[in-house]
All heavy atoms as atom14 arrays in JSON, in Angstrom:
{
  "sequence": "EALRLTQQQIENQRIAIHIDLDPALPLLNGNLQQLSQIAVNLLMN",
  "atom14_mask": [
    [1, 1, 1, 1, 1, 1, 1, 1, 1, 0, 0, 0, 0, 0],
    [1, 1, 1, 1, 1, 0, 0, 0, 0, 0, 0, 0, 0, 0],
    [1, 1, 1, 1, 1, 1, 1, 1, 0, 0, 0, 0, 0, 0],
    [1, 1, 1, 1, 1, 1, 1, 1, 1, 1, 1, 0, 0, 0],
    [1, 1, 1, 1, 1, 1, 1, 1, 0, 0, 0, 0, 0, 0],
    [1, 1, 1, 1, 1, 1, 1, 0, 0, 0, 0, 0, 0, 0],
    [1, 1, 1, 1, 1, 1, 1, 1, 1, 0, 0, 0, 0, 0],
    [1, 1, 1, 1, 1, 1, 1, 1, 1, 0, 0, 0, 0, 0],
    [1, 1, 1, 1, 1, 1, 1, 1, 1, 0, 0, 0, 0, 0],
    [1, 1, 1, 1, 1, 1, 1, 1, 0, 0, 0, 0, 0, 0],
    [1, 1, 1, 1, 1, 1, 1, 1, 1, 0, 0, 0, 0, 0],
    [1, 1, 1, 1, 1, 1, 1, 1, 0, 0, 0, 0, 0, 0],
    [1, 1, 1, 1, 1, 1, 1, 1, 1, 0, 0, 0, 0, 0],
    [1, 1, 1, 1, 1, 1, 1, 1, 1, 1, 1, 0, 0, 0],
    [1, 1, 1, 1, 1, 1, 1, 1, 0, 0, 0, 0, 0, 0],
    [1, 1, 1, 1, 1, 0, 0, 0, 0, 0, 0, 0, 0, 0],
    [1, 1, 1, 1, 1, 1, 1, 1, 0, 0, 0, 0, 0, 0],
    [1, 1, 1, 1, 1, 1, 1, 1, 1, 1, 0, 0, 0, 0],
    [1, 1, 1, 1, 1, 1, 1, 1, 0, 0, 0, 0, 0, 0],
    [1, 1, 1, 1, 1, 1, 1, 1, 0, 0, 0, 0, 0, 0],
    [1, 1, 1, 1, 1, 1, 1, 1, 0, 0, 0, 0, 0, 0],
    [1, 1, 1, 1, 1, 1, 1, 1, 0, 0, 0, 0, 0, 0],
    [1, 1, 1, 1, 1, 1, 1, 0, 0, 0, 0, 0, 0, 0],
    [1, 1, 1, 1, 1, 0, 0, 0, 0, 0, 0, 0, 0, 0],
    [1, 1, 1, 1, 1, 1, 1, 1, 0, 0, 0, 0, 0, 0],
    [1, 1, 1, 1, 1, 1, 1, 0, 0, 0, 0, 0, 0, 0],
    [1, 1, 1, 1, 1, 1, 1, 1, 0, 0, 0, 0, 0, 0],
    [1, 1, 1, 1, 1, 1, 1, 1, 0, 0, 0, 0, 0, 0],
    [1, 1, 1, 1, 1, 1, 1, 1, 0, 0, 0, 0, 0, 0],
    [1, 1, 1, 1, 0, 0, 0, 0, 0, 0, 0, 0, 0, 0],
    [1, 1, 1, 1, 1, 1, 1, 1, 0, 0, 0, 0, 0, 0],
    [1, 1, 1, 1, 1, 1, 1, 1, 0, 0, 0, 0, 0, 0],
    [1, 1, 1, 1, 1, 1, 1, 1, 1, 0, 0, 0, 0, 0],
    [1, 1, 1, 1, 1, 1, 1, 1, 1, 0, 0, 0, 0, 0],
    [1, 1, 1, 1, 1, 1, 1, 1, 0, 0, 0, 0, 0, 0],
    [1, 1, 1, 1, 1, 1, 0, 0, 0, 0, 0, 0, 0, 0],
    [1, 1, 1, 1, 1, 1, 1, 1, 1, 0, 0, 0, 0, 0],
    [1, 1, 1, 1, 1, 1, 1, 1, 0, 0, 0, 0, 0, 0],
    [1, 1, 1, 1, 1, 0, 0, 0, 0, 0, 0, 0, 0, 0],
    [1, 1, 1, 1, 1, 1, 1, 0, 0, 0, 0, 0, 0, 0],
    [1, 1, 1, 1, 1, 1, 1, 1, 0, 0, 0, 0, 0, 0],
    [1, 1, 1, 1, 1, 1, 1, 1, 0, 0, 0, 0, 0, 0],
    [1, 1, 1, 1, 1, 1, 1, 1, 0, 0, 0, 0, 0, 0],
    [1, 1, 1, 1, 1, 1, 1, 1, 0, 0, 0, 0, 0, 0],
    [1, 1, 1, 1, 1, 1, 1, 1, 0, 0, 0, 0, 0, 0]
  ],
  "atom14_positions": [
    [[99.76, 119.14, 126.56], [98.37, 119.37, 126.17], [98.2, 119.25, 124.64], [97.25, 118.64, 124.16], [97.93, 120.72, 126.66], [96.49, 121.12, 126.32], [95.49, 120.23, 127.04], [95.81, 119.67, 128.14], [94.36, 120.09, 126.51], [0.0, 0.0, 0.0], [0.0, 0.0, 0.0], [0.0, 0.0, 0.0], [0.0, 0.0, 0.0], [0.0, 0.0, 0.0]],
    [[99.17, 119.81, 123.91], [99.12, 119.71, 122.42], [99.22, 118.27, 121.98], [98.57, 117.84, 121.03], [100.22, 120.6, 121.83], [0.0, 0.0, 0.0], [0.0, 0.0, 0.0], [0.0, 0.0, 0.0], [0.0, 0.0, 0.0], [0.0, 0.0, 0.0], [0.0, 0.0, 0.0], [0.0, 0.0, 0.0], [0.0, 0.0, 0.0], [0.0, 0.0, 0.0]],
    [[100.09, 117.5, 122.63], [100.25, 116.1, 122.25], [98.99, 115.27, 122.51], [98.68, 114.36, 121.76], [101.44, 115.48, 122.99], [102.81, 115.87, 122.47], [103.91, 115.44, 123.44], [103.07, 115.31, 121.08], [0.0, 0.0, 0.0], [0.0, 0.0, 0.0], [0.0, 0.0, 0.0], [0.0, 0.0, 0.0], [0.0, 0.0, 0.0], [0.0, 0.0, 0.0]],
    [[98.27, 115.62, 123.58], [97.03, 114.9, 123.86], [96.0, 115.1, 122.74], [95.2, 114.2, 122.45], [96.41, 115.38, 125.2], [97.04, 114.7, 126.42], [96.21, 114.98, 127.67], [96.32, 116.34, 128.16], [97.23, 116.79, 128.97], [98.15, 115.92, 129.45], [97.3, 118.05, 129.36], [0.0, 0.0, 0.0], [0.0, 0.0, 0.0], [0.0, 0.0, 0.0]],
    [[96.11, 116.26, 122.07], [95.17, 116.56, 121.0], [95.63, 116.01, 119.64], [94.81, 115.75, 118.77], [94.97, 118.08, 120.87], [94.3, 118.76, 122.09], [94.34, 120.27, 121.91], [92.89, 118.26, 122.31], [0.0, 0.0, 0.0], [0.0, 0.0, 0.0], [0.0, 0.0, 0.0], [0.0, 0.0, 0.0], [0.0, 0.0, 0.0], [0.0, 0.0, 0.0]],
    [[96.95, 115.86, 119.47], [97.45, 115.57, 118.13], [98.2, 114.25, 118.01], [98.42, 113.75, 116.89], [98.43, 116.71, 117.66], [99.5, 116.75, 118.59], [97.69, 118.03, 117.63], [0.0, 0.0, 0.0], [0.0, 0.0, 0.0], [0.0, 0.0, 0.0], [0.0, 0.0, 0.0], [0.0, 0.0, 0.0], [0.0, 0.0, 0.0], [0.0, 0.0, 0.0]],
    [[98.65, 113.66, 119.11], [99.55, 112.52, 119.05], [98.95, 111.36, 118.29], [99.59, 110.71, 117.47], [99.99, 112.1, 120.45], [101.04, 110.99, 120.43], [101.68, 110.81, 121.82], [101.27, 111.44, 122.78], [102.65, 109.94, 121.9], [0.0, 0.0, 0.0], [0.0, 0.0, 0.0], [0.0, 0.0, 0.0], [0.0, 0.0, 0.0], [0.0, 0.0, 0.0]],
    [[97.64, 111.09, 118.56], [96.97, 109.96, 117.93], [96.93, 110.16, 116.41], [97.19, 109.22, 115.62], [95.58, 109.8, 118.48], [94.88, 108.53, 117.99], [95.58, 107.25, 118.41], [96.03, 107.11, 119.57], [95.72, 106.29, 117.5], [0.0, 0.0, 0.0], [0.0, 0.0, 0.0], [0.0, 0.0, 0.0], [0.0, 0.0, 0.0], [0.0, 0.0, 0.0]],
    [[96.58, 111.37, 115.95], [96.55, 111.66, 114.53], [97.91, 111.48, 113.89], [98.02, 110.93, 112.76], [96.07, 113.1, 114.3], [94.69, 113.43, 114.79], [94.28, 114.86, 114.5], [94.32, 115.28, 113.35], [93.94, 115.58, 115.53], [0.0, 0.0, 0.0], [0.0, 0.0, 0.0], [0.0, 0.0, 0.0], [0.0, 0.0, 0.0], [0.0, 0.0, 0.0]],
    [[98.93, 111.94, 114.55], [100.29, 111.86, 113.98], [100.74, 110.39, 113.89], [101.25, 109.93, 112.86], [101.29, 112.68, 114.84], [100.91, 114.19, 114.76], [102.72, 112.44, 114.39], [101.72, 115.04, 115.71], [0.0, 0.0, 0.0], [0.0, 0.0, 0.0], [0.0, 0.0, 0.0], [0.0, 0.0, 0.0], [0.0, 0.0, 0.0], [0.0, 0.0, 0.0]],
    [[100.53, 109.62, 114.95], [100.99, 108.26, 114.95], [100.17, 107.41, 113.97], [100.68, 106.36, 113.45], [100.93, 107.68, 116.37], [101.97, 108.33, 117.3], [101.88, 107.83, 118.73], [100.84, 107.2, 119.07], [102.84, 108.03, 119.49], [0.0, 0.0, 0.0], [0.0, 0.0, 0.0], [0.0, 0.0, 0.0], [0.0, 0.0, 0.0], [0.0, 0.0, 0.0]],
    [[98.92, 107.77, 113.73], [98.12, 107.04, 112.72], [98.74, 107.13, 111.34], [98.48, 106.29, 110.48], [96.69, 107.57, 112.71], [95.89, 107.14, 113.93], [96.28, 106.21, 114.6], [94.78, 107.85, 114.19], [0.0, 0.0, 0.0], [0.0, 0.0, 0.0], [0.0, 0.0, 0.0], [0.0, 0.0, 0.0], [0.0, 0.0, 0.0], [0.0, 0.0, 0.0]],
    [[99.56, 108.17, 111.09], [100.26, 108.34, 109.81], [101.63, 107.68, 109.79], [102.43, 107.95, 108.92], [100.35, 109.83, 109.5], [99.01, 110.59, 109.4], [98.14, 110.03, 108.32], [98.61, 109.67, 107.25], [96.84, 109.94, 108.59], [0.0, 0.0, 0.0], [0.0, 0.0, 0.0], [0.0, 0.0, 0.0], [0.0, 0.0, 0.0], [0.0, 0.0, 0.0]],
    [[101.85, 106.81, 110.81], [103.11, 106.12, 110.95], [104.3, 107.07, 111.03], [105.33, 106.88, 110.41], [103.32, 105.16, 109.78], [102.26, 104.05, 109.73], [102.54, 103.09, 108.59], [101.5, 102.05, 108.56], [101.46, 101.04, 107.67], [102.4, 101.01, 106.76], [100.48, 100.16, 107.71], [0.0, 0.0, 0.0], [0.0, 0.0, 0.0], [0.0, 0.0, 0.0]],
    [[104.07, 108.11, 111.84], [105.14, 109.1, 112.09], [105.58, 108.93, 113.54], [104.73, 108.98, 114.48], [104.62, 110.53, 111.86], [104.18, 110.72, 110.39], [105.71, 111.55, 112.21], [103.49, 112.02, 110.14], [0.0, 0.0, 0.0], [0.0, 0.0, 0.0], [0.0, 0.0, 0.0], [0.0, 0.0, 0.0], [0.0, 0.0, 0.0], [0.0, 0.0, 0.0]],
    [[106.88, 108.7, 113.77], [107.39, 108.55, 115.14], [107.61, 109.9, 115.78], [108.06, 110.84, 115.13], [108.7, 107.77, 115.08], [0.0, 0.0, 0.0], [0.0, 0.0, 0.0], [0.0, 0.0, 0.0], [0.0, 0.0, 0.0], [0.0, 0.0, 0.0], [0.0, 0.0, 0.0], [0.0, 0.0, 0.0], [0.0, 0.0, 0.0], [0.0, 0.0, 0.0]],
    [[107.25, 109.99, 117.05], [107.38, 111.24, 117.81], [108.46, 110.98, 118.89], [108.31, 110.06, 119.72], [106.05, 111.69, 118.46], [104.99, 111.87, 117.39], [106.29, 112.94, 119.27], [103.62, 112.25, 117.96], [0.0, 0.0, 0.0], [0.0, 0.0, 0.0], [0.0, 0.0, 0.0], [0.0, 0.0, 0.0], [0.0, 0.0, 0.0], [0.0, 0.0, 0.0]],
    [[109.48, 111.8, 118.9], [110.54, 111.74, 119.9], [110.39, 112.98, 120.79], [110.48, 114.11, 120.32], [111.93, 111.72, 119.26], [112.09, 110.55, 118.33], [112.42, 109.3, 118.75], [112.01, 110.48, 116.97], [112.53, 108.49, 117.72], [112.28, 109.18, 116.61], [0.0, 0.0, 0.0], [0.0, 0.0, 0.0], [0.0, 0.0, 0.0], [0.0, 0.0, 0.0]],
    [[110.18, 112.73, 122.07], [109.88, 113.83, 123.03], [111.09, 114.01, 123.97], [111.55, 113.04, 124.58], [108.63, 113.53, 123.83], [107.46, 113.27, 122.88], [108.31, 114.67, 124.79], [106.21, 112.79, 123.56], [0.0, 0.0, 0.0], [0.0, 0.0, 0.0], [0.0, 0.0, 0.0], [0.0, 0.0, 0.0], [0.0, 0.0, 0.0], [0.0, 0.0, 0.0]],
    [[111.61, 115.21, 124.02], [112.79, 115.52, 124.87], [112.49, 116.8, 125.6], [112.91, 117.9, 125.21], [114.04, 115.67, 123.98], [115.27, 115.97, 124.82], [115.25, 115.8, 126.08], [116.28, 116.43, 124.26], [0.0, 0.0, 0.0], [0.0, 0.0, 0.0], [0.0, 0.0, 0.0], [0.0, 0.0, 0.0], [0.0, 0.0, 0.0], [0.0, 0.0, 0.0]],
    [[111.72, 116.7, 126.7], [111.3, 117.86, 127.47], [112.23, 117.99, 128.69], [112.44, 117.03, 129.43], [109.87, 117.74, 127.93], [108.81, 117.5, 126.82], [107.4, 117.49, 127.42], [108.92, 118.57, 125.73], [0.0, 0.0, 0.0], [0.0, 0.0, 0.0], [0.0, 0.0, 0.0], [0.0, 0.0, 0.0], [0.0, 0.0, 0.0], [0.0, 0.0, 0.0]],
    [[112.74, 119.17, 128.89], [113.65, 119.43, 130.0], [112.84, 119.41, 131.31], [111.98, 120.26, 131.51], [114.34, 120.78, 129.82], [115.35, 121.07, 130.88], [115.47, 120.23, 131.83], [116.05, 122.09, 130.79], [0.0, 0.0, 0.0], [0.0, 0.0, 0.0], [0.0, 0.0, 0.0], [0.0, 0.0, 0.0], [0.0, 0.0, 0.0], [0.0, 0.0, 0.0]],
    [[113.09, 118.42, 132.21], [112.31, 118.38, 133.45], [112.55, 119.54, 134.39], [111.73, 119.85, 135.21], [112.75, 117.03, 134.1], [114.11, 116.78, 133.53], [114.08, 117.36, 132.11], [0.0, 0.0, 0.0], [0.0, 0.0, 0.0], [0.0, 0.0, 0.0], [0.0, 0.0, 0.0], [0.0, 0.0, 0.0], [0.0, 0.0, 0.0], [0.0, 0.0, 0.0]],
    [[113.71, 120.21, 134.21], [114.0, 121.35, 135.09], [113.68, 122.67, 134.44], [114.18, 123.72, 134.83], [115.51, 121.32, 135.45], [0.0, 0.0, 0.0], [0.0, 0.0, 0.0], [0.0, 0.0, 0.0], [0.0, 0.0, 0.0], [0.0, 0.0, 0.0], [0.0, 0.0, 0.0], [0.0, 0.0, 0.0], [0.0, 0.0, 0.0], [0.0, 0.0, 0.0]],
    [[112.79, 122.63, 133.42], [112.49, 123.84, 132.7], [111.75, 124.83, 133.61], [110.74, 124.48, 134.26], [111.56, 123.5, 131.49], [111.45, 124.55, 130.4], [112.8, 124.64, 129.64], [110.34, 124.21, 129.44], [0.0, 0.0, 0.0], [0.0, 0.0, 0.0], [0.0, 0.0, 0.0], [0.0, 0.0, 0.0], [0.0, 0.0, 0.0], [0.0, 0.0, 0.0]],
    [[112.24, 126.07, 133.68], [111.6, 127.08, 134.6], [110.18, 127.41, 134.1], [109.84, 127.26, 132.91], [112.51, 128.3, 134.51], [113.78, 127.79, 133.93], [113.43, 126.64, 133.04], [0.0, 0.0, 0.0], [0.0, 0.0, 0.0], [0.0, 0.0, 0.0], [0.0, 0.0, 0.0], [0.0, 0.0, 0.0], [0.0, 0.0, 0.0], [0.0, 0.0, 0.0]],
    [[109.33, 127.86, 135.06], [108.0, 128.32, 134.7], [108.08, 129.7, 134.05], [109.1, 130.44, 134.21], [107.11, 128.38, 135.92], [106.91, 127.02, 136.66], [106.06, 127.22, 137.91], [106.28, 126.01, 135.73], [0.0, 0.0, 0.0], [0.0, 0.0, 0.0], [0.0, 0.0, 0.0], [0.0, 0.0, 0.0], [0.0, 0.0, 0.0], [0.0, 0.0, 0.0]],
    [[107.06, 130.12, 133.35], [107.04, 131.43, 132.72], [105.68, 132.09, 132.98], [104.71, 131.39, 133.36], [107.31, 131.34, 131.22], [106.18, 130.86, 130.32], [106.35, 131.43, 128.94], [106.1, 129.35, 130.25], [0.0, 0.0, 0.0], [0.0, 0.0, 0.0], [0.0, 0.0, 0.0], [0.0, 0.0, 0.0], [0.0, 0.0, 0.0], [0.0, 0.0, 0.0]],
    [[105.61, 133.35, 132.72], [104.38, 134.1, 132.8], [103.72, 134.15, 131.46], [104.2, 134.84, 130.54], [104.62, 135.51, 133.32], [103.36, 136.29, 133.56], [102.35, 135.72, 133.96], [103.37, 137.57, 133.27], [0.0, 0.0, 0.0], [0.0, 0.0, 0.0], [0.0, 0.0, 0.0], [0.0, 0.0, 0.0], [0.0, 0.0, 0.0], [0.0, 0.0, 0.0]],
    [[102.68, 133.34, 131.23], [102.06, 133.29, 129.91], [100.68, 132.67, 129.97], [100.07, 132.5, 131.05], [0.0, 0.0, 0.0], [0.0, 0.0, 0.0], [0.0, 0.0, 0.0], [0.0, 0.0, 0.0], [0.0, 0.0, 0.0], [0.0, 0.0, 0.0], [0.0, 0.0, 0.0], [0.0, 0.0, 0.0], [0.0, 0.0, 0.0], [0.0, 0.0, 0.0]],
    [[100.18, 132.3, 128.85], [98.86, 131.68, 128.73], [99.0, 130.27, 128.22], [99.46, 130.08, 127.08], [97.93, 132.51, 127.83], [96.51, 131.95, 127.81], [96.26, 131.04, 127.03], [95.65, 132.5, 128.65], [0.0, 0.0, 0.0], [0.0, 0.0, 0.0], [0.0, 0.0, 0.0], [0.0, 0.0, 0.0], [0.0, 0.0, 0.0], [0.0, 0.0, 0.0]],
    [[98.63, 129.27, 129.05], [98.84, 127.89, 128.7], [98.07, 127.51, 127.44], [98.57, 126.79, 126.59], [98.42, 127.01, 129.86], [98.68, 125.51, 129.71], [100.16, 125.23, 129.64], [98.03, 124.71, 130.85], [0.0, 0.0, 0.0], [0.0, 0.0, 0.0], [0.0, 0.0, 0.0], [0.0, 0.0, 0.0], [0.0, 0.0, 0.0], [0.0, 0.0, 0.0]],
    [[96.82, 128.02, 127.31], [96.01, 127.67, 126.15], [96.62, 128.16, 124.85], [96.67, 127.49, 123.83], [94.6, 128.25, 126.33], [93.65, 127.9, 125.17], [92.26, 128.5, 125.36], [91.98, 129.09, 126.41], [91.42, 128.39, 124.33], [0.0, 0.0, 0.0], [0.0, 0.0, 0.0], [0.0, 0.0, 0.0], [0.0, 0.0, 0.0], [0.0, 0.0, 0.0]],
    [[97.1, 129.43, 124.88], [97.72, 130.02, 123.7], [99.02, 129.27, 123.31], [99.26, 128.99, 122.14], [98.01, 131.49, 123.93], [96.79, 132.38, 123.84], [97.2, 133.85, 123.95], [97.92, 134.26, 124.84], [96.65, 134.62, 123.02], [0.0, 0.0, 0.0], [0.0, 0.0, 0.0], [0.0, 0.0, 0.0], [0.0, 0.0, 0.0], [0.0, 0.0, 0.0]],
    [[99.85, 128.97, 124.3], [101.1, 128.28, 124.05], [100.81, 126.87, 123.51], [101.52, 126.39, 122.6], [101.95, 128.2, 125.32], [102.46, 129.55, 125.85], [103.14, 129.35, 127.2], [103.38, 130.2, 124.84], [0.0, 0.0, 0.0], [0.0, 0.0, 0.0], [0.0, 0.0, 0.0], [0.0, 0.0, 0.0], [0.0, 0.0, 0.0], [0.0, 0.0, 0.0]],
    [[99.77, 126.24, 124.03], [99.4, 124.93, 123.52], [98.94, 125.04, 122.08], [99.22, 124.13, 121.26], [98.28, 124.33, 124.4], [97.89, 123.07, 123.9], [0.0, 0.0, 0.0], [0.0, 0.0, 0.0], [0.0, 0.0, 0.0], [0.0, 0.0, 0.0], [0.0, 0.0, 0.0], [0.0, 0.0, 0.0], [0.0, 0.0, 0.0], [0.0, 0.0, 0.0]],
    [[98.24, 126.15, 121.73], [97.79, 126.34, 120.35], [98.98, 126.42, 119.38], [98.96, 125.89, 118.28], [96.93, 127.57, 120.23], [96.36, 127.79, 118.85], [95.44, 128.99, 118.76], [95.13, 129.63, 119.76], [95.01, 129.34, 117.54], [0.0, 0.0, 0.0], [0.0, 0.0, 0.0], [0.0, 0.0, 0.0], [0.0, 0.0, 0.0], [0.0, 0.0, 0.0]],
    [[100.05, 127.08, 119.83], [101.26, 127.17, 118.97], [101.82, 125.77, 118.73], [102.1, 125.39, 117.6], [102.35, 128.03, 119.65], [101.91, 129.49, 119.71], [103.67, 127.92, 118.88], [102.9, 130.4, 120.44], [0.0, 0.0, 0.0], [0.0, 0.0, 0.0], [0.0, 0.0, 0.0], [0.0, 0.0, 0.0], [0.0, 0.0, 0.0], [0.0, 0.0, 0.0]],
    [[101.9, 124.97, 119.82], [102.47, 123.61, 119.67], [101.6, 122.78, 118.76], [102.1, 122.02, 117.92], [102.6, 122.97, 121.03], [0.0, 0.0, 0.0], [0.0, 0.0, 0.0], [0.0, 0.0, 0.0], [0.0, 0.0, 0.0], [0.0, 0.0, 0.0], [0.0, 0.0, 0.0], [0.0, 0.0, 0.0], [0.0, 0.0, 0.0], [0.0, 0.0, 0.0]],
    [[100.26, 122.9, 118.89], [99.33, 122.14, 118.05], [99.55, 122.53, 116.58], [99.65, 121.64, 115.71], [97.87, 122.4, 118.46], [96.91, 121.87, 117.4], [97.59, 121.74, 119.78], [0.0, 0.0, 0.0], [0.0, 0.0, 0.0], [0.0, 0.0, 0.0], [0.0, 0.0, 0.0], [0.0, 0.0, 0.0], [0.0, 0.0, 0.0], [0.0, 0.0, 0.0]],
    [[99.61, 123.82, 116.31], [99.79, 124.28, 114.91], [101.1, 123.77, 114.34], [101.18, 123.3, 113.19], [99.76, 125.79, 114.85], [98.38, 126.37, 115.11], [97.37, 125.68, 114.92], [98.34, 127.62, 115.56], [0.0, 0.0, 0.0], [0.0, 0.0, 0.0], [0.0, 0.0, 0.0], [0.0, 0.0, 0.0], [0.0, 0.0, 0.0], [0.0, 0.0, 0.0]],
    [[102.18, 123.81, 115.09], [103.48, 123.36, 114.6], [103.49, 121.85, 114.39], [104.08, 121.33, 113.43], [104.57, 123.78, 115.57], [104.77, 125.31, 115.73], [105.93, 125.59, 116.72], [105.0, 125.99, 114.44], [0.0, 0.0, 0.0], [0.0, 0.0, 0.0], [0.0, 0.0, 0.0], [0.0, 0.0, 0.0], [0.0, 0.0, 0.0], [0.0, 0.0, 0.0]],
    [[102.87, 121.1, 115.31], [102.83, 119.64, 115.18], [102.01, 119.25, 113.96], [102.39, 118.33, 113.21], [102.26, 119.0, 116.45], [103.19, 119.03, 117.67], [102.46, 118.62, 118.93], [104.38, 118.1, 117.41], [0.0, 0.0, 0.0], [0.0, 0.0, 0.0], [0.0, 0.0, 0.0], [0.0, 0.0, 0.0], [0.0, 0.0, 0.0], [0.0, 0.0, 0.0]],
    [[100.87, 119.94, 113.75], [100.04, 119.56, 112.61], [100.72, 119.93, 111.27], [100.61, 119.23, 110.29], [98.68, 120.26, 112.72], [97.85, 119.79, 113.92], [97.63, 118.0, 113.97], [96.61, 117.74, 112.51], [0.0, 0.0, 0.0], [0.0, 0.0, 0.0], [0.0, 0.0, 0.0], [0.0, 0.0, 0.0], [0.0, 0.0, 0.0], [0.0, 0.0, 0.0]],
    [[101.46, 121.04, 111.27], [102.22, 121.41, 110.08], [103.28, 120.38, 109.79], [103.53, 119.99, 108.61], [102.85, 122.78, 110.26], [101.88, 123.91, 110.02], [100.77, 123.71, 109.54], [102.26, 125.13, 110.38], [0.0, 0.0, 0.0], [0.0, 0.0, 0.0], [0.0, 0.0, 0.0], [0.0, 0.0, 0.0], [0.0, 0.0, 0.0], [0.0, 0.0, 0.0]]
  ]
}
């Protein structure tokens, strides 16, 4: 979700993004919107 919001901006700056997401990653009890906000903030930084 964070990449959908930021990927275009990042790649427009000629920055390569390497994605390595574990497909077997367990689920957790949390808030998807908040966790996505963390990822957005870190990607923009």
